[in-house]
Amino acid sequence: ALYAEEVFNFSQEDLINDDVMMLDLYSEVYVWVGSDAQAEEVTSSLKLALDYAKKNPDGRKECPVYQIQAGYEPPTFTAHFIAWDMEVSQKWVKPTAEGKKPEVKTTKAQAVTSNDVGFLDPKTNKFELKELQGVYPERVAPNAKEMYLKPEAFKELFGVTQEEFAAWKPWKKKAAKVKHNLF
């Protein structure tokens, strides 16, 4: 179940990497997505933010909603935190398959609409391995990134087909995904 709580006097320390946080700035709403947030939580939070922006309790007009990935916060977001520490932010960025941290640069916040909520179908949306490591494409389910790999890349990476992989024990799948920075 989704749980939302208003936080006063917020700081960067309130951002938890396995959570999704919403920041209401009156003229816009940011949805910060931690690197370890669950896919269902991301979807529910985006829906909540869109609904909140549409039906603001204070009567203001609908405002835009932006999604931000942990570790890639734009200045338009970080400016609202006292003493934002980029080093803390960089700890949220997951390393690549080679164990290196990807080059981090701030990015623009991604505008979200009701058409954007939900994940891409992994059967019809395929990506290269590099595209799924670190900051991955919008609307890719973060806990199922491996399913978006092209079949030949999947077989080369894991040594089995996606169907065979699906039959693996959860611990084995997780270990393989972690090894290749797809978790």
Protein backbone atom coordinates (compact mmCIF):
# COMPACT_ATOMS: atom_id res chain seq x y z
CA ALA A 1 0.00 0.00 0.00
CA LEU A 2 1.18 3.48 -0.82
CA TYR A 3 1.92 5.69 2.16
CA ALA A 4 2.30 9.46 1.84
CA GLU A 5 3.35 11.81 4.62
CA GLU A 6 3.97 15.55 4.57
CA VAL A 7 7.47 16.52 5.69
CA PHE A 8 8.19 20.02 6.95
CA ASN A 9 11.73 21.42 7.00
CA PHE A 10 12.86 18.73 4.58
CA SER A 11 16.48 18.11 3.70
CA GLN A 12 18.50 15.89 1.40
CA GLU A 13 18.73 13.37 4.23
CA ASP A 14 14.97 12.82 3.94
CA LEU A 15 15.49 11.24 0.50
CA ILE A 16 15.68 7.47 0.95
CA ASN A 17 17.14 5.48 -1.93
CA ASP A 18 14.55 2.69 -1.82
CA ASP A 19 11.65 5.13 -1.81
CA VAL A 20 9.88 7.64 -4.00
CA MET A 21 9.44 11.18 -2.72
CA MET A 22 7.24 14.01 -3.91
CA LEU A 23 8.21 17.67 -3.62
CA ASP A 24 5.42 20.21 -4.13
CA LEU A 25 6.75 23.62 -5.13
CA TYR A 26 3.31 25.09 -5.78
CA SER A 27 3.96 25.83 -9.46
CA GLU A 28 5.32 22.33 -10.13
CA VAL A 29 5.61 18.94 -8.46
CA TYR A 30 8.75 16.79 -8.51
CA VAL A 31 8.72 13.03 -8.05
CA TRP A 32 12.17 11.86 -6.93
CA VAL A 33 12.75 8.15 -7.61
CA GLY A 34 15.35 6.35 -5.53
CA SER A 35 17.59 3.86 -7.36
CA ASP A 36 16.23 0.97 -5.30
CA ALA A 37 12.55 1.96 -5.45
CA GLN A 38 10.14 -0.81 -6.40
CA ALA A 39 8.40 -0.54 -9.77
CA GLU A 40 4.93 -0.63 -8.22
CA GLU A 41 5.85 2.19 -5.86
CA VAL A 42 7.10 4.33 -8.74
CA THR A 43 3.91 3.82 -10.73
CA SER A 44 1.66 4.47 -7.72
CA SER A 45 3.63 7.57 -6.76
CA LEU A 46 3.48 9.02 -10.26
CA LYS A 47 -0.27 8.43 -10.36
CA LEU A 48 -0.62 10.06 -6.95
CA ALA A 49 1.44 13.07 -8.03
CA LEU A 50 -0.57 13.52 -11.22
CA ASP A 51 -3.83 13.27 -9.32
CA TYR A 52 -2.53 15.66 -6.66
CA ALA A 53 -1.44 18.18 -9.31
CA LYS A 54 -4.84 17.98 -10.97
CA LYS A 55 -6.91 18.23 -7.78
CA ASN A 56 -4.75 20.52 -5.68
CA PRO A 57 -6.28 20.87 -2.22
CA ASP A 58 -5.53 24.59 -2.18
CA GLY A 59 -7.51 25.36 -5.33
CA ARG A 60 -4.61 26.34 -7.59
CA LYS A 61 -4.61 25.38 -11.24
CA GLU A 62 -3.10 22.11 -12.37
CA CYS A 63 0.68 22.22 -12.35
CA PRO A 64 3.26 20.09 -14.17
CA VAL A 65 4.75 16.95 -12.63
CA TYR A 66 8.40 16.05 -13.19
CA GLN A 67 10.20 12.77 -12.52
CA ILE A 68 13.79 12.80 -11.29
CA GLN A 69 16.13 9.83 -10.95
CA ALA A 70 18.27 9.58 -7.80
CA GLY A 71 21.80 10.77 -8.42
CA TYR A 72 20.81 12.81 -11.47
CA GLU A 73 19.00 15.69 -9.79
CA PRO A 74 18.80 18.89 -11.83
CA PRO A 75 19.55 22.27 -10.25
CA THR A 76 15.86 23.15 -10.46
CA PHE A 77 15.31 20.43 -7.86
CA THR A 78 18.45 20.69 -5.71
CA ALA A 79 18.00 24.45 -5.30
CA HIS A 80 15.15 23.72 -2.89
CA PHE A 81 17.40 21.87 -0.46
CA ILE A 82 19.70 23.66 1.96
CA ALA A 83 23.31 22.63 1.35
CA TRP A 84 22.71 19.97 -1.31
CA ASP A 85 25.69 17.60 -1.28
CA MET A 86 26.53 16.14 -4.70
CA GLU A 87 28.75 13.50 -3.08
CA VAL A 88 25.77 12.13 -1.17
CA SER A 89 23.73 12.20 -4.35
CA GLN A 90 26.40 10.29 -6.26
CA LYS A 91 26.21 7.42 -3.76
CA TRP A 92 22.73 6.70 -5.14
CA VAL A 93 24.09 6.04 -8.64
CA LYS A 94 24.55 2.36 -9.34
CA PRO A 95 27.84 1.17 -10.86
CA THR A 96 28.09 -0.26 -14.36
CA ALA A 97 28.72 -3.94 -15.10
CA GLU A 98 32.45 -3.18 -14.97
CA GLY A 99 32.00 -1.92 -11.42
CA LYS A 100 32.57 1.71 -12.37
CA LYS A 101 30.25 4.55 -11.58
CA PRO A 102 28.85 6.09 -14.75
CA GLU A 103 29.77 9.67 -15.45
CA VAL A 104 27.21 11.64 -13.56
CA LYS A 105 25.78 14.83 -14.82
CA THR A 106 22.61 16.50 -13.81
CA THR A 107 19.77 16.05 -16.22
CA LYS A 108 16.56 17.82 -16.96
CA ALA A 109 13.58 16.70 -14.99
CA GLN A 110 11.27 14.61 -17.14
CA ALA A 111 7.74 15.91 -17.46
CA VAL A 112 5.17 13.25 -16.64
CA THR A 113 1.64 12.94 -17.99
CA SER A 114 -1.03 10.33 -17.41
CA ASN A 115 0.14 8.67 -20.64
CA ASP A 116 3.58 8.16 -19.09
CA VAL A 117 2.47 6.25 -16.03
CA GLY A 118 3.07 2.57 -16.31
CA PHE A 119 5.94 0.69 -17.83
CA LEU A 120 6.87 -0.04 -21.40
CA ASP A 121 6.02 -3.52 -22.64
CA PRO A 122 9.29 -5.49 -22.61
CA LYS A 123 8.02 -7.67 -25.46
CA THR A 124 7.90 -4.73 -27.85
CA ASN A 125 10.55 -2.41 -26.38
CA LYS A 126 14.11 -3.71 -26.52
CA PHE A 127 17.36 -1.97 -25.59
CA GLU A 128 21.10 -2.52 -25.60
CA LEU A 129 22.76 -3.48 -22.30
CA LYS A 130 24.47 -0.09 -21.90
CA GLU A 131 21.11 1.67 -22.20
CA LEU A 132 19.74 -0.29 -19.24
CA GLN A 133 22.64 0.28 -16.86
CA GLY A 134 22.84 3.38 -14.69
CA VAL A 135 20.16 5.84 -15.79
CA TYR A 136 17.88 3.71 -17.88
CA PRO A 137 15.23 4.76 -20.41
CA GLU A 138 11.99 6.27 -19.19
CA ARG A 139 9.21 3.86 -18.26
CA VAL A 140 11.47 0.80 -18.09
CA ALA A 141 10.49 -1.29 -15.06
CA PRO A 142 13.53 -0.91 -12.78
CA ASN A 143 13.21 -4.36 -11.24
CA ALA A 144 12.84 -6.11 -14.62
CA LYS A 145 15.42 -4.31 -16.75
CA GLU A 146 16.81 -7.60 -18.06
CA MET A 147 13.52 -8.33 -19.82
CA TYR A 148 14.08 -5.27 -22.05
CA LEU A 149 17.31 -6.68 -23.46
CA LYS A 150 17.35 -7.77 -27.06
CA PRO A 151 17.12 -11.60 -27.15
CA GLU A 152 20.63 -12.08 -28.54
CA ALA A 153 22.10 -9.71 -25.94
CA PHE A 154 20.17 -11.49 -23.19
CA LYS A 155 21.47 -14.92 -24.26
CA GLU A 156 25.03 -13.62 -24.53
CA LEU A 157 24.88 -11.96 -21.12
CA PHE A 158 23.15 -14.68 -19.09
CA GLY A 159 23.93 -17.74 -21.21
CA VAL A 160 20.25 -18.73 -21.39
CA THR A 161 17.07 -17.54 -23.06
CA GLN A 162 14.61 -15.29 -21.26
CA GLU A 163 12.27 -18.25 -20.85
CA GLU A 164 15.01 -20.34 -19.22
CA PHE A 165 15.99 -17.39 -17.04
CA ALA A 166 12.39 -17.06 -15.83
CA ALA A 167 12.61 -20.59 -14.42
CA TRP A 168 15.66 -19.78 -12.28
CA LYS A 169 15.34 -19.45 -8.52
CA PRO A 170 14.88 -15.84 -7.34
CA TRP A 171 18.27 -15.71 -5.60
CA LYS A 172 20.04 -16.88 -8.77
CA LYS A 173 18.24 -14.30 -10.93
CA LYS A 174 19.07 -11.54 -8.47
CA ALA A 175 22.75 -12.50 -8.35
CA ALA A 176 22.96 -12.51 -12.15
CA LYS A 177 21.20 -9.16 -12.41
CA VAL A 178 23.45 -7.60 -9.77
CA LYS A 179 26.55 -8.95 -11.52
CA HIS A 180 25.55 -7.16 -14.72
CA ASN A 181 24.19 -3.98 -13.07
CA LEU A 182 20.62 -4.71 -14.04
CA PHE A 183 19.19 -4.61 -10.53
